[in-house]
Amino acid sequence: MQIRSPAFASGGAIPAMHTCDGADTSPALSWTGAPSGTRSFALIADDPDAPGKTWVHWVVWNIPASAAALPQDVPKKAQLPDGTRQGLTDFGRAGYGGPCPPSGVHRYYFTLYALDAALELPATTTKAALVKALEGHVLAEAQLMGTYTRAGR
């Protein structure tokens, strides 16, 4: 399985519009090669370079198995019309929270999981709870990494 974004190349810079320095909109993502038996997708975006801990920027699950993409600027709501659910980020809210590093270049990993089930989880789900719920259900995973550094930092 592969994941990509029209906004940035793997290992490339994430445009400011997808960060706290811009509109803070989620980048469009698309994927190919999901294995047969996929019943849903989950996505976690995080920053392992954050001071003190890995900072969680996006927690998404129950993306329909028929989907092959997430559009740019996914609404910051706990539940979307197609059944996709978004949990709590380390910003304390549902939906995407873009890069906003205090200093230096940070790496942001968008990890997509193909699952053999849909997950019944509350709107207050965090990355830790989602990772626990993924156990035994991951058929495949793919990762896209982008970088960001704030001007003058």
C-alpha atoms as a PDB file:
ATOM      1  CA  MET A   1       0.000   0.000   0.000  1.00  0.00           C
ATOM      2  CA  GLN A   2       1.228   3.522  -0.745  1.00  0.00           C
ATOM      3  CA  ILE A   3       0.108   6.947   0.508  1.00  0.00           C
ATOM      4  CA  ARG A   4       0.912  10.265  -1.129  1.00  0.00           C
ATOM      5  CA  SER A   5      -0.118  13.903  -1.158  1.00  0.00           C
ATOM      6  CA  PRO A   6      -0.317  16.410  -4.000  1.00  0.00           C
ATOM      7  CA  ALA A   7       0.738  19.052  -1.431  1.00  0.00           C
ATOM      8  CA  PHE A   8       4.241  17.693  -0.720  1.00  0.00           C
ATOM      9  CA  ALA A   9       6.597  14.946  -1.808  1.00  0.00           C
ATOM     10  CA  SER A  10       7.697  12.206   0.567  1.00  0.00           C
ATOM     11  CA  GLY A  11      10.439  13.757   2.681  1.00  0.00           C
ATOM     12  CA  GLY A  12       9.601  17.228   1.335  1.00  0.00           C
ATOM     13  CA  ALA A  13       8.442  20.409   2.995  1.00  0.00           C
ATOM     14  CA  ILE A  14       4.795  20.698   4.011  1.00  0.00           C
ATOM     15  CA  PRO A  15       3.360  23.965   2.605  1.00  0.00           C
ATOM     16  CA  ALA A  16       2.606  26.675   5.196  1.00  0.00           C
ATOM     17  CA  MET A  17      -1.124  26.597   4.349  1.00  0.00           C
ATOM     18  CA  HIS A  18      -1.284  23.221   6.124  1.00  0.00           C
ATOM     19  CA  THR A  19       0.338  24.601   9.303  1.00  0.00           C
ATOM     20  CA  CYS A  20      -0.368  27.040  12.133  1.00  0.00           C
ATOM     21  CA  ASP A  21       1.413  29.674  10.045  1.00  0.00           C
ATOM     22  CA  GLY A  22      -1.277  29.380   7.363  1.00  0.00           C
ATOM     23  CA  ALA A  23      -4.902  28.231   7.168  1.00  0.00           C
ATOM     24  CA  ASP A  24      -4.141  25.054   9.184  1.00  0.00           C
ATOM     25  CA  THR A  25      -6.034  22.932   6.650  1.00  0.00           C
ATOM     26  CA  SER A  26      -5.344  19.238   6.277  1.00  0.00           C
ATOM     27  CA  PRO A  27      -3.443  18.267   3.119  1.00  0.00           C
ATOM     28  CA  ALA A  28      -5.142  16.105   0.524  1.00  0.00           C
ATOM     29  CA  LEU A  29      -4.001  12.486   0.807  1.00  0.00           C
ATOM     30  CA  SER A  30      -4.538   9.543  -1.523  1.00  0.00           C
ATOM     31  CA  TRP A  31      -3.610   5.894  -1.419  1.00  0.00           C
ATOM     32  CA  THR A  32      -3.382   2.813  -3.578  1.00  0.00           C
ATOM     33  CA  GLY A  33      -2.801  -0.885  -3.085  1.00  0.00           C
ATOM     34  CA  ALA A  34      -5.170  -1.625  -0.208  1.00  0.00           C
ATOM     35  CA  PRO A  35      -5.317  -5.383   0.360  1.00  0.00           C
ATOM     36  CA  SER A  36      -8.439  -7.421  -0.250  1.00  0.00           C
ATOM     37  CA  GLY A  37     -10.473  -7.771   2.904  1.00  0.00           C
ATOM     38  CA  THR A  38     -10.037  -4.103   3.849  1.00  0.00           C
ATOM     39  CA  ARG A  39     -13.169  -2.996   5.754  1.00  0.00           C
ATOM     40  CA  SER A  40     -11.954   0.477   6.788  1.00  0.00           C
ATOM     41  CA  PHE A  41      -8.903   2.721   7.053  1.00  0.00           C
ATOM     42  CA  ALA A  42      -7.378   4.621   9.964  1.00  0.00           C
ATOM     43  CA  LEU A  43      -4.844   7.458   9.867  1.00  0.00           C
ATOM     44  CA  ILE A  44      -2.529   8.918  12.478  1.00  0.00           C
ATOM     45  CA  ALA A  45      -0.391  12.017  11.900  1.00  0.00           C
ATOM     46  CA  ASP A  46       2.262  12.858  14.458  1.00  0.00           C
ATOM     47  CA  ASP A  47       5.561  14.625  15.119  1.00  0.00           C
ATOM     48  CA  PRO A  48       8.241  12.529  16.862  1.00  0.00           C
ATOM     49  CA  ASP A  49      10.557  15.578  17.028  1.00  0.00           C
ATOM     50  CA  ALA A  50       8.328  17.573  19.399  1.00  0.00           C
ATOM     51  CA  PRO A  51       9.907  18.468  22.743  1.00  0.00           C
ATOM     52  CA  GLY A  52       9.125  15.951  25.468  1.00  0.00           C
ATOM     53  CA  LYS A  53       6.936  13.535  23.505  1.00  0.00           C
ATOM     54  CA  THR A  54       5.560  12.624  20.097  1.00  0.00           C
ATOM     55  CA  TRP A  55       2.914  15.271  19.345  1.00  0.00           C
ATOM     56  CA  VAL A  56      -0.303  13.968  17.794  1.00  0.00           C
ATOM     57  CA  HIS A  57      -1.723  16.080  14.947  1.00  0.00           C
ATOM     58  CA  TRP A  58      -4.535  13.898  13.587  1.00  0.00           C
ATOM     59  CA  VAL A  59      -6.447  10.767  14.677  1.00  0.00           C
ATOM     60  CA  VAL A  60      -8.874   9.347  12.092  1.00  0.00           C
ATOM     61  CA  TRP A  61     -10.688   6.010  11.805  1.00  0.00           C
ATOM     62  CA  ASN A  62     -13.593   4.336  10.010  1.00  0.00           C
ATOM     63  CA  ILE A  63     -12.596   5.881   6.704  1.00  0.00           C
ATOM     64  CA  PRO A  64     -14.745   3.771   4.344  1.00  0.00           C
ATOM     65  CA  ALA A  65     -13.030   0.860   2.591  1.00  0.00           C
ATOM     66  CA  SER A  66     -14.287   2.313  -0.713  1.00  0.00           C
ATOM     67  CA  ALA A  67     -12.272   5.509  -0.155  1.00  0.00           C
ATOM     68  CA  ALA A  68      -8.929   6.056  -1.829  1.00  0.00           C
ATOM     69  CA  ALA A  69      -8.358   9.606  -0.599  1.00  0.00           C
ATOM     70  CA  LEU A  70      -9.063  12.312   1.940  1.00  0.00           C
ATOM     71  CA  PRO A  71      -9.667  15.764   0.452  1.00  0.00           C
ATOM     72  CA  GLN A  72      -7.811  18.889   1.449  1.00  0.00           C
ATOM     73  CA  ASP A  73      -9.388  20.707   4.409  1.00  0.00           C
ATOM     74  CA  VAL A  74     -11.306  17.836   6.027  1.00  0.00           C
ATOM     75  CA  PRO A  75     -13.869  19.465   8.366  1.00  0.00           C
ATOM     76  CA  LYS A  76     -12.736  19.515  12.006  1.00  0.00           C
ATOM     77  CA  LYS A  77     -15.689  17.495  13.286  1.00  0.00           C
ATOM     78  CA  ALA A  78     -15.848  14.292  15.316  1.00  0.00           C
ATOM     79  CA  GLN A  79     -17.964  12.546  12.652  1.00  0.00           C
ATOM     80  CA  LEU A  80     -18.158  13.148   8.908  1.00  0.00           C
ATOM     81  CA  PRO A  81     -21.161  12.321   6.691  1.00  0.00           C
ATOM     82  CA  ASP A  82     -19.481   9.176   5.260  1.00  0.00           C
ATOM     83  CA  GLY A  83     -18.951   7.688   8.755  1.00  0.00           C
ATOM     84  CA  THR A  84     -15.312   8.740   9.100  1.00  0.00           C
ATOM     85  CA  ARG A  85     -14.517   9.579  12.731  1.00  0.00           C
ATOM     86  CA  GLN A  86     -11.892  11.972  14.108  1.00  0.00           C
ATOM     87  CA  GLY A  87     -10.559  11.760  17.640  1.00  0.00           C
ATOM     88  CA  LEU A  88      -8.652  14.103  19.897  1.00  0.00           C
ATOM     89  CA  THR A  89      -5.261  15.483  18.954  1.00  0.00           C
ATOM     90  CA  ASP A  90      -2.706  16.828  21.401  1.00  0.00           C
ATOM     91  CA  PHE A  91      -4.275  20.243  20.671  1.00  0.00           C
ATOM     92  CA  GLY A  92      -7.283  18.880  22.618  1.00  0.00           C
ATOM     93  CA  ARG A  93      -9.772  18.879  19.745  1.00  0.00           C
ATOM     94  CA  ALA A  94     -11.086  16.701  16.943  1.00  0.00           C
ATOM     95  CA  GLY A  95      -9.744  17.050  13.432  1.00  0.00           C
ATOM     96  CA  TYR A  96      -6.452  18.026  11.898  1.00  0.00           C
ATOM     97  CA  GLY A  97      -4.046  20.316  13.734  1.00  0.00           C
ATOM     98  CA  GLY A  98      -1.147  21.297  11.514  1.00  0.00           C
ATOM     99  CA  PRO A  99       2.565  21.555  12.171  1.00  0.00           C
ATOM    100  CA  CYS A 100       3.575  24.328  14.560  1.00  0.00           C
ATOM    101  CA  PRO A 101       7.072  23.453  15.791  1.00  0.00           C
ATOM    102  CA  PRO A 102       8.646  25.724  18.411  1.00  0.00           C
ATOM    103  CA  SER A 103      12.033  25.587  16.659  1.00  0.00           C
ATOM    104  CA  GLY A 104      14.027  23.688  14.079  1.00  0.00           C
ATOM    105  CA  VAL A 105      12.974  21.246  11.391  1.00  0.00           C
ATOM    106  CA  HIS A 106      10.393  18.662  12.478  1.00  0.00           C
ATOM    107  CA  ARG A 107       9.234  15.512  10.711  1.00  0.00           C
ATOM    108  CA  TYR A 108       5.519  14.774  10.393  1.00  0.00           C
ATOM    109  CA  TYR A 109       4.430  11.198   9.735  1.00  0.00           C
ATOM    110  CA  PHE A 110       1.059  10.407   8.153  1.00  0.00           C
ATOM    111  CA  THR A 111       0.520   6.680   8.744  1.00  0.00           C
ATOM    112  CA  LEU A 112      -2.405   4.971   7.027  1.00  0.00           C
ATOM    113  CA  TYR A 113      -3.692   1.594   8.181  1.00  0.00           C
ATOM    114  CA  ALA A 114      -5.897  -0.809   6.184  1.00  0.00           C
ATOM    115  CA  LEU A 115      -8.104  -2.663   8.664  1.00  0.00           C
ATOM    116  CA  ASP A 116     -10.181  -5.830   8.561  1.00  0.00           C
ATOM    117  CA  ALA A 117     -12.952  -4.162  10.612  1.00  0.00           C
ATOM    118  CA  ALA A 118     -14.676  -0.894  11.395  1.00  0.00           C
ATOM    119  CA  LEU A 119     -13.930   0.333  14.920  1.00  0.00           C
ATOM    120  CA  GLU A 120     -16.505   1.355  17.511  1.00  0.00           C
ATOM    121  CA  LEU A 121     -14.714   4.100  19.419  1.00  0.00           C
ATOM    122  CA  PRO A 122     -15.937   7.272  21.179  1.00  0.00           C
ATOM    123  CA  ALA A 123     -15.330  10.811  19.905  1.00  0.00           C
ATOM    124  CA  THR A 124     -12.845  11.278  22.758  1.00  0.00           C
ATOM    125  CA  THR A 125     -10.510   8.648  21.266  1.00  0.00           C
ATOM    126  CA  THR A 126      -6.825   9.560  21.403  1.00  0.00           C
ATOM    127  CA  LYS A 127      -3.929   8.139  19.435  1.00  0.00           C
ATOM    128  CA  ALA A 128      -3.117   5.731  22.278  1.00  0.00           C
ATOM    129  CA  ALA A 129      -6.676   4.370  22.335  1.00  0.00           C
ATOM    130  CA  LEU A 130      -6.754   4.060  18.547  1.00  0.00           C
ATOM    131  CA  VAL A 131      -3.410   2.237  18.461  1.00  0.00           C
ATOM    132  CA  LYS A 132      -4.758  -0.217  21.054  1.00  0.00           C
ATOM    133  CA  ALA A 133      -7.955  -0.726  19.013  1.00  0.00           C
ATOM    134  CA  LEU A 134      -5.875  -1.396  15.860  1.00  0.00           C
ATOM    135  CA  GLU A 135      -4.218  -4.442  17.447  1.00  0.00           C
ATOM    136  CA  GLY A 136      -5.062  -7.566  15.489  1.00  0.00           C
ATOM    137  CA  HIS A 137      -6.878  -5.641  12.728  1.00  0.00           C
ATOM    138  CA  VAL A 138      -4.071  -4.165  10.588  1.00  0.00           C
ATOM    139  CA  LEU A 139      -3.859  -5.736   7.131  1.00  0.00           C
ATOM    140  CA  ALA A 140      -1.321  -3.234   5.752  1.00  0.00           C
ATOM    141  CA  GLU A 141       0.154   0.155   6.506  1.00  0.00           C
ATOM    142  CA  ALA A 142       1.775   2.958   4.539  1.00  0.00           C
ATOM    143  CA  GLN A 143       3.573   6.091   5.612  1.00  0.00           C
ATOM    144  CA  LEU A 144       4.229   9.546   4.190  1.00  0.00           C
ATOM    145  CA  MET A 145       6.664  11.908   5.906  1.00  0.00           C
ATOM    146  CA  GLY A 146       6.850  15.650   5.401  1.00  0.00           C
ATOM    147  CA  THR A 147       8.928  18.291   7.158  1.00  0.00           C
ATOM    148  CA  TYR A 148       8.241  21.767   8.432  1.00  0.00           C
ATOM    149  CA  THR A 149      10.193  24.562  10.068  1.00  0.00           C
ATOM    150  CA  ARG A 150       8.765  27.928  10.992  1.00  0.00           C
ATOM    151  CA  ALA A 151      10.423  30.981   9.453  1.00  0.00           C
ATOM    152  CA  GLY A 152      12.901  32.603  11.808  1.00  0.00           C
ATOM    153  CA  ARG A 153      12.813  29.767  14.325  1.00  0.00           C
END
